[in-house]
Amino acid sequence: MIHEYEGLKLTIEDGAATIQIARPEKRNAMSPALHRGMNLALDAIEAAGGVKVAVLTGTGEVFCGGMDLEKYFLEPFDRPREFRANLAASHGWMRRWKAFSPVTVASINGLCIGGGLLMASLCDIAIAAEEAVFGLSEVNFGIFPAGGTTWAVAQNMTRKHALYYSLTADRFDGRRAAEIGLVSVAVPREHLAAETARVVTTLRQKSLDALHYTKRVYERSRTMSFPEAQEWEVAMLLDLSYTTENAWIRDALEKFRRREYRPAESSYLTPPEGENDDR
């Protein structure tokens, strides 16, 4: 299933969705129309149902060059209502993406600047080409990283790294992004597609509910004390068990008891080689 929106292409197949930013003439910068398209793409993914993983990537050697400064800021500058509508569209899909039920994966194929870095930071998993170029250029405009970018940087980097790159606007590559925790892993660009596909395949073989609950419990637990987290996690385990009719006991543990799979090595839903199972 393929959907096309202005500046975007969405593909949904076998429990996985891929959103590709396609504005190569503008270095994949985010225009107001693209933000509206992102909301429509998320609508389509939710309507499709059963999507376990959603990949966000760019075109060519650019992931995202940040905001389209002319269309997003300059053109509507004297039209406050239009500017507020642009903010609503961009902030709206980003908040949805941050709380999205499918596992979100950034496949960072190249240049990732400003708002592009924010997009990558909001993903659950980020795989970068070693040759990708990252940077926060806002200070060079006489401002600071805004729209959630400072929050995202603070969440993903240590204080020293976050302030260094925010204050200097120095650029860094995918290897450095992995070293400072901005991305999960960096691979040579020629291996990026294969590594992304491997991660997608791995996630597709997990329980949809387990993926969703893992994300939900992680986000909440990181703001709690240890005793609070213990109680919350047990409560959510009971909730998951009820929702899935105790599938982890009836199916997973039963398969383990029969030694049909090893939890340390694969999911209980991993099909035999050559078969597919998207339960």
Protein backbone atom coordinates (compact mmCIF):
# COMPACT_ATOMS: atom_id res chain seq x y z
CA MET A 1 0.00 0.00 0.00
CA ILE A 2 1.51 3.32 -1.09
CA HIS A 3 0.30 6.82 -0.20
CA GLU A 4 1.84 10.03 -1.50
CA TYR A 5 1.52 13.43 0.11
CA GLU A 6 3.30 16.67 -0.67
CA GLY A 7 6.96 15.98 0.06
CA LEU A 8 6.27 12.52 1.48
CA LYS A 9 5.88 8.93 0.39
CA LEU A 10 4.32 6.35 2.71
CA THR A 11 4.59 2.61 2.16
CA ILE A 12 2.78 0.08 4.37
CA GLU A 13 3.55 -3.60 3.94
CA ASP A 14 3.62 -6.69 6.18
CA GLY A 15 3.22 -4.89 9.48
CA ALA A 16 5.81 -2.21 8.69
CA ALA A 17 5.42 1.37 7.47
CA THR A 18 8.07 3.57 5.86
CA ILE A 19 7.74 7.34 5.58
CA GLN A 20 10.25 8.83 3.16
CA ILE A 21 10.79 12.58 3.07
CA ALA A 22 11.05 13.52 -0.59
CA ARG A 23 11.93 17.19 -1.11
CA PRO A 24 15.44 16.79 -2.53
CA GLU A 25 15.34 20.23 -4.12
CA LYS A 26 15.00 21.71 -0.60
CA ARG A 27 17.32 19.28 1.19
CA ASN A 28 14.20 17.54 2.54
CA ALA A 29 13.37 20.60 4.61
CA MET A 30 10.00 20.54 6.37
CA SER A 31 7.42 22.85 4.83
CA PRO A 32 3.95 23.51 6.29
CA ALA A 33 2.50 21.22 3.60
CA LEU A 34 4.92 18.46 4.63
CA HIS A 35 3.84 18.80 8.27
CA ARG A 36 0.21 18.45 7.21
CA GLY A 37 1.22 15.42 5.14
CA MET A 38 2.88 13.84 8.17
CA ASN A 39 -0.38 14.04 10.09
CA LEU A 40 -2.17 12.37 7.17
CA ALA A 41 0.52 9.68 7.00
CA LEU A 42 0.07 8.89 10.69
CA ASP A 43 -3.69 8.73 10.14
CA ALA A 44 -3.13 6.19 7.34
CA ILE A 45 -0.81 4.05 9.48
CA GLU A 46 -3.32 3.98 12.33
CA ALA A 47 -6.17 3.18 9.92
CA ALA A 48 -4.19 0.29 8.41
CA GLY A 49 -3.99 -1.44 11.79
CA GLY A 50 -1.44 -4.05 12.85
CA VAL A 51 1.62 -1.91 12.06
CA LYS A 52 4.41 -2.85 14.47
CA VAL A 53 7.18 -0.59 13.22
CA ALA A 54 7.30 2.76 11.41
CA VAL A 55 10.51 3.89 9.71
CA LEU A 56 11.30 7.53 8.97
CA THR A 57 13.99 8.24 6.38
CA GLY A 58 15.05 10.72 3.71
CA THR A 59 15.89 10.84 0.03
CA GLY A 60 19.38 10.56 -1.44
CA GLU A 61 22.08 11.66 0.99
CA VAL A 62 19.81 13.93 3.06
CA PHE A 63 17.66 12.86 5.98
CA CYS A 64 16.22 16.28 6.77
CA GLY A 65 17.76 19.74 6.50
CA GLY A 66 15.48 21.16 9.19
CA MET A 67 12.59 23.56 8.72
CA ASP A 68 11.89 25.21 5.38
CA LEU A 69 12.80 28.65 6.72
CA GLU A 70 11.10 30.59 3.94
CA LYS A 71 7.79 28.75 3.87
CA TYR A 72 7.54 28.03 7.58
CA PHE A 73 8.82 31.33 9.04
CA LEU A 74 9.28 34.10 6.48
CA GLU A 75 6.20 33.80 4.25
CA PRO A 76 3.62 33.70 7.07
CA PHE A 77 5.51 36.12 9.33
CA ASP A 78 2.91 38.89 8.88
CA ARG A 79 -0.01 36.44 8.98
CA PRO A 80 -0.20 35.32 12.62
CA ARG A 81 -3.13 32.93 12.14
CA GLU A 82 -1.31 31.11 9.34
CA PHE A 83 1.86 30.95 11.41
CA ARG A 84 -0.06 29.47 14.35
CA ALA A 85 -1.62 26.91 12.00
CA ASN A 86 1.88 25.91 10.87
CA LEU A 87 2.92 25.48 14.51
CA ALA A 88 -0.14 23.38 15.22
CA ALA A 89 0.54 21.08 12.26
CA SER A 90 4.24 20.56 13.06
CA HIS A 91 3.83 20.23 16.82
CA GLY A 92 0.80 18.02 16.38
CA TRP A 93 2.40 15.26 14.33
CA MET A 94 5.59 15.33 16.39
CA ARG A 95 3.65 14.80 19.62
CA ARG A 96 1.75 11.98 17.95
CA TRP A 97 5.01 10.46 16.70
CA LYS A 98 6.56 10.63 20.16
CA ALA A 99 3.58 8.72 21.60
CA PHE A 100 2.98 6.52 18.53
CA SER A 101 2.03 2.92 19.24
CA PRO A 102 4.32 1.32 16.61
CA VAL A 103 8.05 1.29 17.29
CA THR A 104 9.50 4.30 15.46
CA VAL A 105 12.86 3.95 13.72
CA ALA A 106 14.92 6.74 12.17
CA SER A 107 17.06 5.55 9.27
CA ILE A 108 19.37 8.55 8.94
CA ASN A 109 20.82 8.42 5.46
CA GLY A 110 22.57 11.78 5.42
CA LEU A 111 22.34 15.42 6.45
CA CYS A 112 20.37 15.80 9.70
CA ILE A 113 20.20 19.41 10.85
CA GLY A 114 18.08 21.38 13.35
CA GLY A 115 14.50 20.16 13.07
CA GLY A 116 15.79 17.04 11.35
CA LEU A 117 17.80 16.24 14.46
CA LEU A 118 14.61 16.74 16.48
CA MET A 119 12.76 14.27 14.25
CA ALA A 120 15.50 11.68 14.69
CA SER A 121 15.60 12.24 18.46
CA LEU A 122 11.87 11.59 18.80
CA CYS A 123 12.25 8.10 17.32
CA ASP A 124 12.55 5.07 19.60
CA ILE A 125 15.51 3.70 17.63
CA ALA A 126 17.88 5.61 15.37
CA ILE A 127 20.25 4.03 12.85
CA ALA A 128 22.64 6.43 11.16
CA ALA A 129 25.01 6.27 8.26
CA GLU A 130 28.51 6.91 9.57
CA GLU A 131 28.81 9.58 6.88
CA ALA A 132 25.65 11.41 8.01
CA VAL A 133 26.18 14.99 9.15
CA PHE A 134 24.41 16.31 12.27
CA GLY A 135 24.22 19.83 13.62
CA LEU A 136 22.28 22.50 15.48
CA SER A 137 22.63 25.75 13.58
CA GLU A 138 20.08 27.85 15.50
CA VAL A 139 22.66 29.84 17.46
CA ASN A 140 24.01 31.07 14.12
CA PHE A 141 20.59 32.66 13.50
CA GLY A 142 20.80 34.42 16.86
CA ILE A 143 18.28 32.08 18.50
CA PHE A 144 18.31 28.73 20.31
CA PRO A 145 17.03 25.27 19.28
CA ALA A 146 13.27 25.56 19.75
CA GLY A 147 10.04 23.74 18.97
CA GLY A 148 11.09 20.87 21.23
CA THR A 149 14.63 20.58 19.87
CA THR A 150 16.32 21.69 23.10
CA TRP A 151 14.17 19.19 25.01
CA ALA A 152 15.09 16.40 22.59
CA VAL A 153 18.80 17.21 22.80
CA ALA A 154 18.65 17.32 26.60
CA GLN A 155 16.89 13.94 26.64
CA ASN A 156 19.38 12.25 24.31
CA MET A 157 22.75 13.78 25.22
CA THR A 158 24.67 14.51 28.38
CA ARG A 159 24.64 18.15 29.53
CA LYS A 160 28.16 18.81 28.28
CA HIS A 161 27.50 17.36 24.83
CA ALA A 162 24.10 19.04 24.48
CA LEU A 163 25.42 22.47 25.41
CA TYR A 164 28.59 22.11 23.36
CA TYR A 165 26.78 21.39 20.10
CA SER A 166 23.93 23.83 20.82
CA LEU A 167 26.33 26.68 21.65
CA THR A 168 28.98 26.13 18.98
CA ALA A 169 26.85 24.84 16.07
CA ASP A 170 29.74 22.47 15.32
CA ARG A 171 28.76 19.60 13.06
CA PHE A 172 29.48 15.94 13.74
CA ASP A 173 29.12 12.65 11.90
CA GLY A 174 27.15 9.46 12.53
CA ARG A 175 30.00 7.83 14.46
CA ARG A 176 30.07 10.74 16.89
CA ALA A 177 26.26 10.69 17.12
CA ALA A 178 26.45 7.06 18.28
CA GLU A 179 29.24 7.87 20.77
CA ILE A 180 27.22 10.60 22.49
CA GLY A 181 23.95 8.64 22.52
CA LEU A 182 22.05 10.61 19.90
CA VAL A 183 21.59 7.51 17.74
CA SER A 184 21.44 3.80 18.57
CA VAL A 185 24.07 2.66 16.09
CA ALA A 186 26.06 3.94 13.12
CA VAL A 187 26.97 1.85 10.07
CA PRO A 188 28.62 2.62 6.74
CA ARG A 189 26.10 4.22 4.38
CA GLU A 190 26.19 1.22 2.05
CA HIS A 191 24.98 -0.96 4.94
CA LEU A 192 22.26 1.39 6.21
CA ALA A 193 19.37 -0.11 4.24
CA ALA A 194 20.34 -3.66 5.22
CA GLU A 195 20.74 -2.76 8.90
CA THR A 196 17.41 -0.94 8.91
CA ALA A 197 15.73 -3.94 7.25
CA ARG A 198 17.29 -6.27 9.83
CA VAL A 199 15.92 -4.21 12.72
CA VAL A 200 12.49 -3.98 11.09
CA THR A 201 12.41 -7.75 10.59
CA THR A 202 13.41 -8.32 14.20
CA LEU A 203 10.65 -6.04 15.46
CA ARG A 204 8.03 -7.56 13.17
CA GLN A 205 8.64 -10.92 14.85
CA LYS A 206 7.69 -9.58 18.29
CA SER A 207 4.25 -9.38 19.85
CA LEU A 208 2.52 -6.14 18.84
CA ASP A 209 1.19 -5.71 22.39
CA ALA A 210 4.60 -6.40 23.94
CA LEU A 211 6.17 -3.69 21.78
CA HIS A 212 3.47 -1.19 22.69
CA TYR A 213 3.62 -1.90 26.43
CA THR A 214 7.44 -1.86 26.46
CA LYS A 215 7.40 1.69 25.06
CA ARG A 216 4.65 2.83 27.41
CA VAL A 217 6.22 1.37 30.54
CA TYR A 218 9.67 2.72 29.69
CA GLU A 219 8.46 6.30 29.18
CA ARG A 220 6.56 6.33 32.46
CA SER A 221 9.10 4.42 34.56
CA ARG A 222 11.95 6.79 33.79
CA THR A 223 10.17 9.56 35.75
CA MET A 224 9.48 7.40 38.83
CA SER A 225 11.32 6.30 41.92
CA PHE A 226 12.36 2.63 41.99
CA PRO A 227 9.53 1.48 44.34
CA GLU A 228 6.97 3.40 42.27
CA ALA A 229 8.35 1.86 39.08
CA GLN A 230 8.12 -1.64 40.53
CA GLU A 231 4.43 -1.16 41.33
CA TRP A 232 3.71 0.45 37.96
CA GLU A 233 5.51 -2.27 36.02
CA VAL A 234 3.67 -5.08 37.83
CA ALA A 235 0.35 -3.30 37.25
CA MET A 236 1.13 -2.94 33.55
CA LEU A 237 2.20 -6.60 33.33
CA LEU A 238 -1.19 -7.59 34.72
CA ASP A 239 -2.86 -5.21 32.27
CA LEU A 240 -0.92 -6.71 29.36
CA SER A 241 -1.77 -10.22 30.53
CA TYR A 242 -5.47 -9.37 30.64
CA THR A 243 -5.39 -7.67 27.23
CA THR A 244 -3.68 -10.63 25.55
CA GLU A 245 -5.54 -13.34 27.47
CA ASN A 246 -2.27 -14.40 29.12
CA ALA A 247 -0.61 -15.20 25.79
CA TRP A 248 2.85 -14.94 27.36
CA ILE A 249 1.96 -17.82 29.69
CA ARG A 250 -0.37 -19.89 27.48
CA ASP A 251 1.79 -19.58 24.34
CA ALA A 252 5.28 -18.26 25.12
CA LEU A 253 5.96 -20.14 28.36
CA GLU A 254 4.34 -23.30 27.02
CA LYS A 255 6.59 -23.19 23.95
CA PHE A 256 9.55 -22.62 26.24
CA ARG A 257 8.55 -25.57 28.42
CA ARG A 258 8.50 -27.73 25.28
CA ARG A 259 11.93 -26.27 24.35
CA GLU A 260 10.56 -25.00 21.04
CA TYR A 261 12.44 -21.71 21.29
CA ARG A 262 14.98 -19.90 23.46
CA PRO A 263 13.88 -16.48 24.81
CA ALA A 264 17.47 -15.23 24.90
CA GLU A 265 17.80 -15.87 21.18
CA SER A 266 14.43 -15.26 19.53
CA SER A 267 10.77 -14.36 20.03
CA TYR A 268 8.20 -17.07 20.57
CA LEU A 269 6.49 -15.63 17.47
CA THR A 270 9.56 -16.03 15.26
CA PRO A 271 8.37 -18.34 12.48
CA PRO A 272 10.36 -21.29 11.18
CA GLU A 273 12.78 -20.31 8.45
CA GLY A 274 10.96 -19.57 5.22
CA GLU A 275 7.64 -18.80 6.92
CA ASN A 276 6.06 -15.57 8.11
CA ASP A 277 3.94 -14.78 11.16
CA ASP A 278 2.66 -11.30 11.94
CA ARG A 279 0.48 -12.03 14.91
